[in-house]
Every structure is written in C-alpha cells, then in structure tokens.
PDB file of N, CA and C in Angstrom:
ATOM      1  N   UNK A   1      70.038  86.201  86.710  1.00  0.00           N
ATOM      2  CA  UNK A   1      71.502  86.657  86.697  1.00  0.00           C
ATOM      3  C   UNK A   1      71.771  87.751  87.615  1.00  0.00           C
ATOM      4  N   UNK A   2      72.998  87.410  88.110  1.00  0.00           N
ATOM      5  CA  UNK A   2      73.390  88.636  89.132  1.00  0.00           C
ATOM      6  C   UNK A   2      74.812  89.201  88.556  1.00  0.00           C
ATOM      7  N   UNK A   3      74.808  90.603  88.720  1.00  0.00           N
ATOM      8  CA  UNK A   3      75.955  91.277  88.215  1.00  0.00           C
ATOM      9  C   UNK A   3      76.500  92.208  89.565  1.00  0.00           C
ATOM     10  N   UNK A   4      77.770  92.154  89.668  1.00  0.00           N
ATOM     11  CA  UNK A   4      78.407  92.988  90.516  1.00  0.00           C
ATOM     12  C   UNK A   4      79.460  93.836  89.979  1.00  0.00           C
ATOM     13  N   UNK A   5      79.206  95.150  90.047  1.00  0.00           N
ATOM     14  CA  UNK A   5      80.131  95.998  89.502  1.00  0.00           C
ATOM     15  C   UNK A   5      80.631  96.916  90.615  1.00  0.00           C
ATOM     16  N   UNK A   6      82.079  97.295  90.382  1.00  0.00           N
ATOM     17  CA  UNK A   6      82.837  98.135  91.342  1.00  0.00           C
ATOM     18  C   UNK A   6      83.662  99.216  90.470  1.00  0.00           C
ATOM     19  N   UNK A   7      83.734 100.178  91.249  1.00  0.00           N
ATOM     20  CA  UNK A   7      84.534 101.281  90.414  1.00  0.00           C
ATOM     21  C   UNK A   7      84.995 102.181  91.543  1.00  0.00           C
ATOM     22  N   UNK A   8      86.151 102.962  91.393  1.00  0.00           N
ATOM     23  CA  UNK A   8      86.720 104.017  92.293  1.00  0.00           C
ATOM     24  C   UNK A   8      86.529 105.286  91.590  1.00  0.00           C
ATOM     25  N   UNK A   9      85.491 105.269  90.586  1.00  0.00           N
ATOM     26  CA  UNK A   9      85.150 106.716  89.970  1.00  0.00           C
ATOM     27  C   UNK A   9      83.758 107.290  90.264  1.00  0.00           C
ATOM     28  N   UNK A  10      83.624 108.583  90.147  1.00  0.00           N
ATOM     29  CA  UNK A  10      82.553 108.978  90.631  1.00  0.00           C
ATOM     30  C   UNK A  10      81.567 109.145  89.240  1.00  0.00           C
ATOM     31  N   UNK A  11      80.946 108.164  89.465  1.00  0.00           N
ATOM     32  CA  UNK A  11      79.997 107.868  88.269  1.00  0.00           C
ATOM     33  C   UNK A  11      79.094 109.008  87.959  1.00  0.00           C
ATOM     34  N   UNK A  12      78.410 109.676  89.108  1.00  0.00           N
ATOM     35  CA  UNK A  12      77.621 111.001  88.750  1.00  0.00           C
ATOM     36  C   UNK A  12      78.419 112.136  88.149  1.00  0.00           C
ATOM     37  N   UNK A  13      79.754 112.227  88.287  1.00  0.00           N
ATOM     38  CA  UNK A  13      80.565 113.206  87.587  1.00  0.00           C
ATOM     39  C   UNK A  13      80.781 112.639  85.857  1.00  0.00           C
ATOM     40  N   UNK A  14      80.864 111.298  85.874  1.00  0.00           N
ATOM     41  CA  UNK A  14      80.929 110.921  84.502  1.00  0.00           C
ATOM     42  C   UNK A  14      79.660 110.851  83.594  1.00  0.00           C
ATOM     43  N   UNK A  15      78.656 110.728  84.331  1.00  0.00           N
ATOM     44  CA  UNK A  15      77.336 110.968  83.751  1.00  0.00           C
ATOM     45  C   UNK A  15      77.198 112.514  83.273  1.00  0.00           C
ATOM     46  N   UNK A  16      77.442 113.330  84.256  1.00  0.00           N
ATOM     47  CA  UNK A  16      77.554 114.884  83.785  1.00  0.00           C
ATOM     48  C   UNK A  16      78.502 115.267  82.670  1.00  0.00           C
ATOM     49  N   UNK A  17      79.573 114.345  82.552  1.00  0.00           N
ATOM     50  CA  UNK A  17      80.664 114.738  81.467  1.00  0.00           C
ATOM     51  C   UNK A  17      80.146 113.957  80.270  1.00  0.00           C
ATOM     52  N   UNK A  18      79.009 113.159  80.377  1.00  0.00           N
ATOM     53  CA  UNK A  18      78.800 112.326  79.193  1.00  0.00           C
ATOM     54  C   UNK A  18      79.648 111.238  78.864  1.00  0.00           C
ATOM     55  N   UNK A  19      80.280 110.752  79.639  1.00  0.00           N
ATOM     56  CA  UNK A  19      81.107 109.546  79.532  1.00  0.00           C
ATOM     57  C   UNK A  19      80.710 108.348  80.081  1.00  0.00           C
ATOM     58  N   UNK A  20      79.485 108.351  80.829  1.00  0.00           N
ATOM     59  CA  UNK A  20      78.994 107.399  81.341  1.00  0.00           C
ATOM     60  C   UNK A  20      77.435 107.162  81.231  1.00  0.00           C
ATOM     61  N   UNK A  21      76.714 106.362  80.841  1.00  0.00           N
ATOM     62  CA  UNK A  21      75.330 106.218  80.454  1.00  0.00           C
ATOM     63  C   UNK A  21      74.524 106.143  81.678  1.00  0.00           C
ATOM     64  N   UNK A  22      73.617 107.288  81.846  1.00  0.00           N
ATOM     65  CA  UNK A  22      72.781 107.483  82.949  1.00  0.00           C
ATOM     66  C   UNK A  22      71.778 106.331  83.097  1.00  0.00           C
ATOM     67  N   UNK A  23      71.246 105.778  81.850  1.00  0.00           N
ATOM     68  CA  UNK A  23      70.365 104.463  82.143  1.00  0.00           C
ATOM     69  C   UNK A  23      71.091 103.510  82.695  1.00  0.00           C
ATOM     70  N   UNK A  24      72.377 103.163  82.333  1.00  0.00           N
ATOM     71  CA  UNK A  24      73.194 102.031  82.857  1.00  0.00           C
ATOM     72  C   UNK A  24      73.390 102.243  84.254  1.00  0.00           C
ATOM     73  N   UNK A  25      73.657 103.500  84.633  1.00  0.00           N
ATOM     74  CA  UNK A  25      73.836 103.778  86.051  1.00  0.00           C
ATOM     75  C   UNK A  25      72.675 103.375  86.882  1.00  0.00           C
ATOM     76  N   UNK A  26      71.421 103.577  86.585  1.00  0.00           N
ATOM     77  CA  UNK A  26      70.362 103.312  87.352  1.00  0.00           C
ATOM     78  C   UNK A  26      70.151 101.830  87.405  1.00  0.00           C
ATOM     79  N   UNK A  27      70.356 101.184  86.180  1.00  0.00           N
ATOM     80  CA  UNK A  27      70.200  99.648  86.302  1.00  0.00           C
ATOM     81  C   UNK A  27      71.334  99.036  87.101  1.00  0.00           C
ATOM     82  N   UNK A  28      72.405  99.751  87.180  1.00  0.00           N
ATOM     83  CA  UNK A  28      73.546  98.877  87.918  1.00  0.00           C
ATOM     84  C   UNK A  28      73.131  99.458  89.740  1.00  0.00           C
ATOM     85  N   UNK A  29      72.737 100.689  89.995  1.00  0.00           N
ATOM     86  CA  UNK A  29      72.713 101.167  91.094  1.00  0.00           C
ATOM     87  C   UNK A  29      71.390 100.444  92.079  1.00  0.00           C
ATOM     88  N   UNK A  30      71.035  99.592  91.878  1.00  0.00           N
ATOM     89  CA  UNK A  30      70.042  98.971  92.703  1.00  0.00           C
ATOM     90  C   UNK A  30      70.296  98.681  94.232  1.00  0.00           C
ATOM     91  N   UNK A  31      71.618  98.472  94.382  1.00  0.00           N
ATOM     92  CA  UNK A  31      72.145  98.244  95.923  1.00  0.00           C
ATOM     93  C   UNK A  31      73.376  98.608  95.970  1.00  0.00           C
ATOM     94  N   UNK A  32      73.875  99.845  96.541  1.00  0.00           N
ATOM     95  CA  UNK A  32      75.080 100.227  96.563  1.00  0.00           C
ATOM     96  C   UNK A  32      75.772 100.079  98.036  1.00  0.00           C
ATOM     97  N   UNK A  33      77.152  99.671  97.748  1.00  0.00           N
ATOM     98  CA  UNK A  33      77.847  99.501  99.078  1.00  0.00           C
ATOM     99  C   UNK A  33      79.138 100.401  98.902  1.00  0.00           C
ATOM    100  N   UNK A  34      79.185 101.374 100.014  1.00  0.00           N
ATOM    101  CA  UNK A  34      80.237 102.286  99.959  1.00  0.00           C
ATOM    102  C   UNK A  34      81.299 101.788 100.738  1.00  0.00           C
ATOM    103  N   UNK A  35      82.521 101.401 100.255  1.00  0.00           N
ATOM    104  CA  UNK A  35      83.508 100.931 101.183  1.00  0.00           C
ATOM    105  C   UNK A  35      84.613 101.437 101.009  1.00  0.00           C
ATOM    106  N   UNK A  36      85.054 102.344 102.215  1.00  0.00           N
ATOM    107  CA  UNK A  36      86.295 103.237 102.129  1.00  0.00           C
ATOM    108  C   UNK A  36      87.596 102.245 101.808  1.00  0.00           C
ATOM    109  N   UNK A  37      88.483 102.898 101.017  1.00  0.00           N
ATOM    110  CA  UNK A  37      89.921 102.369 100.716  1.00  0.00           C
ATOM    111  C   UNK A  37      90.385 101.769 102.211  1.00  0.00           C
ATOM    112  N   UNK A  38      91.209 100.752 102.038  1.00  0.00           N
ATOM    113  CA  UNK A  38      91.863  99.981 103.249  1.00  0.00           C
ATOM    114  C   UNK A  38      92.659 100.979 103.932  1.00  0.00           C
ATOM    115  N   UNK A  39      93.362 101.972 103.316  1.00  0.00           N
ATOM    116  CA  UNK A  39      94.349 102.936 103.917  1.00  0.00           C
ATOM    117  C   UNK A  39      93.442 103.806 104.997  1.00  0.00           C
ATOM    118  N   UNK A  40      92.174 103.959 104.826  1.00  0.00           N
ATOM    119  CA  UNK A  40      91.082 104.692 105.641  1.00  0.00           C
ATOM    120  C   UNK A  40      90.631 103.931 106.724  1.00  0.00           C
ATOM    121  N   UNK A  41      90.961 102.676 106.819  1.00  0.00           N
ATOM    122  CA  UNK A  41      90.485 101.836 107.710  1.00  0.00           C
ATOM    123  C   UNK A  41      91.699 100.712 108.151  1.00  0.00           C
ATOM    124  N   UNK A  42      92.785 101.253 108.572  1.00  0.00           N
ATOM    125  CA  UNK A  42      94.075 100.353 108.702  1.00  0.00           C
ATOM    126  C   UNK A  42      93.741  99.659 109.818  1.00  0.00           C
ATOM    127  N   UNK A  43      93.061  99.729 110.744  1.00  0.00           N
ATOM    128  CA  UNK A  43      92.731  99.093 111.940  1.00  0.00           C
ATOM    129  C   UNK A  43      92.128  97.832 111.538  1.00  0.00           C
ATOM    130  N   UNK A  44      91.813  97.531 110.206  1.00  0.00           N
ATOM    131  CA  UNK A  44      91.248  96.274 109.924  1.00  0.00           C
ATOM    132  C   UNK A  44      92.205  95.135 109.249  1.00  0.00           C
ATOM    133  N   UNK A  45      93.478  96.091 109.046  1.00  0.00           N
ATOM    134  CA  UNK A  45      94.479  95.247 108.477  1.00  0.00           C
ATOM    135  C   UNK A  45      94.783  93.920 109.253  1.00  0.00           C
ATOM    136  N   UNK A  46      95.278  93.882 110.365  1.00  0.00           N
ATOM    137  CA  UNK A  46      95.490  92.652 111.221  1.00  0.00           C
ATOM    138  C   UNK A  46      94.611  91.610 111.033  1.00  0.00           C
ATOM    139  N   UNK A  47      93.286  91.845 111.010  1.00  0.00           N
ATOM    140  CA  UNK A  47      92.116  90.911 110.801  1.00  0.00           C
ATOM    141  C   UNK A  47      92.073  90.464 109.436  1.00  0.00           C
ATOM    142  N   UNK A  48      92.215  91.303 108.437  1.00  0.00           N
ATOM    143  CA  UNK A  48      92.202  90.836 107.199  1.00  0.00           C
ATOM    144  C   UNK A  48      93.641  89.920 106.890  1.00  0.00           C
ATOM    145  N   UNK A  49      94.748  90.187 107.541  1.00  0.00           N
ATOM    146  CA  UNK A  49      95.900  89.552 107.203  1.00  0.00           C
ATOM    147  C   UNK A  49      95.749  88.118 108.026  1.00  0.00           C
ATOM    148  N   UNK A  50      95.142  88.003 109.033  1.00  0.00           N
ATOM    149  CA  UNK A  50      94.815  86.650 109.571  1.00  0.00           C
ATOM    150  C   UNK A  50      93.976  85.862 108.833  1.00  0.00           C
ATOM    151  N   UNK A  51      92.904  86.507 108.371  1.00  0.00           N
ATOM    152  CA  UNK A  51      92.044  85.648 107.516  1.00  0.00           C
ATOM    153  C   UNK A  51      92.552  84.962 106.236  1.00  0.00           C
ATOM    154  N   UNK A  52      93.587  86.048 105.490  1.00  0.00           N
ATOM    155  CA  UNK A  52      93.928  85.254 104.413  1.00  0.00           C
ATOM    156  C   UNK A  52      95.043  84.315 104.727  1.00  0.00           C
ATOM    157  N   UNK A  53      95.569  84.426 105.904  1.00  0.00           N
ATOM    158  CA  UNK A  53      96.658  83.447 106.256  1.00  0.00           C
ATOM    159  C   UNK A  53      95.979  82.293 106.559  1.00  0.00           C
ATOM    160  N   UNK A  54      94.896  82.065 107.112  1.00  0.00           N
ATOM    161  CA  UNK A  54      94.049  80.952 107.307  1.00  0.00           C
ATOM    162  C   UNK A  54      93.566  80.450 106.283  1.00  0.00           C
ATOM    163  N   UNK A  55      93.072  81.229 105.197  1.00  0.00           N
ATOM    164  CA  UNK A  55      92.396  80.693 104.187  1.00  0.00           C
ATOM    165  C   UNK A  55      93.687  80.026 103.168  1.00  0.00           C
ATOM    166  N   UNK A  56      94.630  80.615 103.160  1.00  0.00           N
ATOM    167  CA  UNK A  56      95.902  79.929 102.274  1.00  0.00           C
ATOM    168  C   UNK A  56      96.541  78.756 102.971  1.00  0.00           C
ATOM    169  N   UNK A  57      96.419  78.699 104.313  1.00  0.00           N
ATOM    170  CA  UNK A  57      96.855  77.605 105.093  1.00  0.00           C
ATOM    171  C   UNK A  57      96.049  76.324 104.666  1.00  0.00           C
ATOM    172  N   UNK A  58      94.903  76.728 104.730  1.00  0.00           N
ATOM    173  CA  UNK A  58      93.969  75.558 104.345  1.00  0.00           C
ATOM    174  C   UNK A  58      93.823  75.196 102.971  1.00  0.00           C
ATOM    175  N   UNK A  59      93.946  76.187 102.173  1.00  0.00           N
ATOM    176  CA  UNK A  59      93.994  75.922 100.552  1.00  0.00           C
ATOM    177  C   UNK A  59      95.185  75.129 100.075  1.00  0.00           C
ATOM    178  N   UNK A  60      96.306  75.443 100.705  1.00  0.00           N
ATOM    179  CA  UNK A  60      97.507  74.962 100.161  1.00  0.00           C
ATOM    180  C   UNK A  60      98.036  73.608 101.272  1.00  0.00           C
ATOM    181  N   UNK A  61      97.305  73.398 102.139  1.00  0.00           N
ATOM    182  CA  UNK A  61      97.572  72.444 103.196  1.00  0.00           C
ATOM    183  C   UNK A  61      98.905  72.595 103.840  1.00  0.00           C
ATOM    184  N   UNK A  62      99.110  73.849 104.242  1.00  0.00           N
ATOM    185  CA  UNK A  62     100.443  74.174 104.881  1.00  0.00           C
ATOM    186  C   UNK A  62     100.084  74.729 106.274  1.00  0.00           C
ATOM    187  N   UNK A  63     100.963  74.669 107.202  1.00  0.00           N
ATOM    188  CA  UNK A  63     100.832  75.056 108.528  1.00  0.00           C
ATOM    189  C   UNK A  63     101.454  76.473 108.616  1.00  0.00           C
ATOM    190  N   UNK A  64     100.680  77.362 108.738  1.00  0.00           N
ATOM    191  CA  UNK A  64     101.051  78.854 108.810  1.00  0.00           C
ATOM    192  C   UNK A  64     100.601  79.409 110.165  1.00  0.00           C
ATOM    193  N   UNK A  65     101.469  79.786 110.959  1.00  0.00           N
ATOM    194  CA  UNK A  65     101.040  80.024 112.399  1.00  0.00           C
ATOM    195  C   UNK A  65     100.624  81.498 112.457  1.00  0.00           C
ATOM    196  N   UNK A  66     100.999  82.416 111.785  1.00  0.00           N
ATOM    197  CA  UNK A  66     100.565  83.659 111.776  1.00  0.00           C
ATOM    198  C   UNK A  66     101.561  84.697 110.939  1.00  0.00           C
ATOM    199  N   UNK A  67     101.425  85.952 111.374  1.00  0.00           N
ATOM    200  CA  UNK A  67     102.232  87.076 110.599  1.00  0.00           C
ATOM    201  C   UNK A  67     103.247  87.600 111.739  1.00  0.00           C
ATOM    202  N   UNK A  68     104.313  87.950 111.396  1.00  0.00           N
ATOM    203  CA  UNK A  68     105.256  88.672 112.396  1.00  0.00           C
ATOM    204  C   UNK A  68     104.834  90.133 112.442  1.00  0.00           C
ATOM    205  N   UNK A  69     105.034  90.761 113.624  1.00  0.00           N
ATOM    206  CA  UNK A  69     104.611  92.179 113.805  1.00  0.00           C
ATOM    207  C   UNK A  69     105.403  92.942 112.763  1.00  0.00           C
ATOM    208  N   UNK A  70     106.687  92.997 112.364  1.00  0.00           N
ATOM    209  CA  UNK A  70     107.336  93.625 111.345  1.00  0.00           C
ATOM    210  C   UNK A  70     106.849  93.629 110.150  1.00  0.00           C
ATOM    211  N   UNK A  71     106.131  92.260 109.666  1.00  0.00           N
ATOM    212  CA  UNK A  71     105.550  92.213 108.596  1.00  0.00           C
ATOM    213  C   UNK A  71     104.342  92.856 108.423  1.00  0.00           C
ATOM    214  N   UNK A  72     103.635  92.914 109.601  1.00  0.00           N
ATOM    215  CA  UNK A  72     102.415  93.645 109.627  1.00  0.00           C
ATOM    216  C   UNK A  72     102.678  95.089 109.604  1.00  0.00           C
ATOM    217  N   UNK A  73     103.587  95.626 110.235  1.00  0.00           N
ATOM    218  CA  UNK A  73     104.125  96.929 110.100  1.00  0.00           C
ATOM    219  C   UNK A  73     104.447  97.325 108.534  1.00  0.00           C
ATOM    220  N   UNK A  74     105.017  96.538 107.856  1.00  0.00           N
ATOM    221  CA  UNK A  74     105.376  96.768 106.532  1.00  0.00           C
ATOM    222  C   UNK A  74     104.198  96.912 105.653  1.00  0.00           C
ATOM    223  N   UNK A  75     103.167  96.110 105.911  1.00  0.00           N
ATOM    224  CA  UNK A  75     101.791  96.127 105.482  1.00  0.00           C
ATOM    225  C   UNK A  75     101.147  97.521 105.543  1.00  0.00           C
ATOM    226  N   UNK A  76     101.343  97.960 106.876  1.00  0.00           N
ATOM    227  CA  UNK A  76     100.685  99.181 107.178  1.00  0.00           C
ATOM    228  C   UNK A  76     101.619 100.407 106.637  1.00  0.00           C
ATOM    229  N   UNK A  77     102.757 100.404 106.395  1.00  0.00           N
ATOM    230  CA  UNK A  77     103.666 101.263 105.622  1.00  0.00           C
ATOM    231  C   UNK A  77     103.136 101.350 104.238  1.00  0.00           C
ATOM    232  N   UNK A  78     102.841 100.060 103.724  1.00  0.00           N
ATOM    233  CA  UNK A  78     102.444 100.442 102.266  1.00  0.00           C
ATOM    234  C   UNK A  78     101.080 100.853 101.980  1.00  0.00           C
ATOM    235  N   UNK A  79     100.168 101.042 103.021  1.00  0.00           N
ATOM    236  CA  UNK A  79      98.969 101.494 103.091  1.00  0.00           C
ATOM    237  C   UNK A  79      99.095 103.113 102.645  1.00  0.00           C
ATOM    238  N   UNK A  80     100.316 103.582 102.934  1.00  0.00           N
ATOM    239  CA  UNK A  80     100.408 104.963 102.952  1.00  0.00           C
ATOM    240  C   UNK A  80     100.004 105.991 103.863  1.00  0.00           C
ATOM    241  N   UNK A  81      99.449 105.237 105.062  1.00  0.00           N
ATOM    242  CA  UNK A  81      99.270 106.051 106.209  1.00  0.00           C
ATOM    243  C   UNK A  81     100.015 106.201 107.432  1.00  0.00           C
ATOM    244  N   UNK A  82     101.123 105.342 107.355  1.00  0.00           N
ATOM    245  CA  UNK A  82     102.190 105.321 108.306  1.00  0.00           C
ATOM    246  C   UNK A  82     103.391 105.727 107.737  1.00  0.00           C
ATOM    247  N   UNK A  83     104.370 106.394 108.573  1.00  0.00           N
ATOM    248  CA  UNK A  83     105.631 106.867 108.091  1.00  0.00           C
ATOM    249  C   UNK A  83     106.474 105.698 108.010  1.00  0.00           C
ATOM    250  N   UNK A  84     107.205 105.384 106.891  1.00  0.00           N
ATOM    251  CA  UNK A  84     107.942 104.083 106.944  1.00  0.00           C
ATOM    252  C   UNK A  84     109.392 104.661 107.166  1.00  0.00           C
ATOM    253  N   UNK A  85     110.100 103.743 107.780  1.00  0.00           N
ATOM    254  CA  UNK A  85     111.753 103.963 107.741  1.00  0.00           C
ATOM    255  C   UNK A  85     112.307 102.624 107.423  1.00  0.00           C
ATOM    256  N   UNK A  86     113.097 102.726 106.718  1.00  0.00           N
ATOM    257  CA  UNK A  86     113.867 101.470 106.113  1.00  0.00           C
ATOM    258  C   UNK A  86     114.999 101.129 107.003  1.00  0.00           C
ATOM    259  N   UNK A  87     114.512 100.266 108.082  1.00  0.00           N
ATOM    260  CA  UNK A  87     115.451  99.756 109.008  1.00  0.00           C
ATOM    261  C   UNK A  87     115.841  98.211 108.854  1.00  0.00           C
ATOM    262  N   UNK A  88     117.047  97.913 109.375  1.00  0.00           N
ATOM    263  CA  UNK A  88     117.360  96.446 109.031  1.00  0.00           C
ATOM    264  C   UNK A  88     117.670  95.858 110.532  1.00  0.00           C
ATOM    265  N   UNK A  89     116.911  96.218 111.330  1.00  0.00           N
ATOM    266  CA  UNK A  89     117.042  95.756 112.855  1.00  0.00           C
ATOM    267  C   UNK A  89     116.269  94.512 113.143  1.00  0.00           C
TER     268      UNK A  89
END
C-alpha cells in the first residue's frame, strides 16, 4: 500500500502543541518533498499553463492553441506576487 499525504501546516509545531501524533508523523515522514507555493516560483507558471492546456486539449479532443499573454498576466496577478491593475484595454 502507498500513501501520499500533504499539508501546509508545520507538523513539528503541531506535535509540540499536542495536536498531531508524533508516532504518526514518523510513519508518514519516510520521504519528504518540500515544494514552495506557486507564488514563490511564479516563473514556472507559463510552463504549468501550457502543460495543462495540452493535457486538456487531448482529454477533451479539442484544439487549444495556447494561452494569451493577457490571460497569463491575470494568472500571475492572482498569485499575489504581481501588482494587478484592472485595465480593459
């Protein structure tokens, strides 16, 4: 059996507070992957967008050619890292 668990909580802090079982932590922490949130690796956004466009294009058998620069900018704004301006140009 394989189990994949993910959290955005500090489990060591939860163990110290008594709200997470230490024995369970050590059973789950066999292999840890620390992945920063997307807002901290915004340069990967175009690659991810194109990956999911290609995947959906195949899955739904639709021809999707890409993503417009304005749409990509909107995604970057939603990441919280860019200053967003509501322009209708």
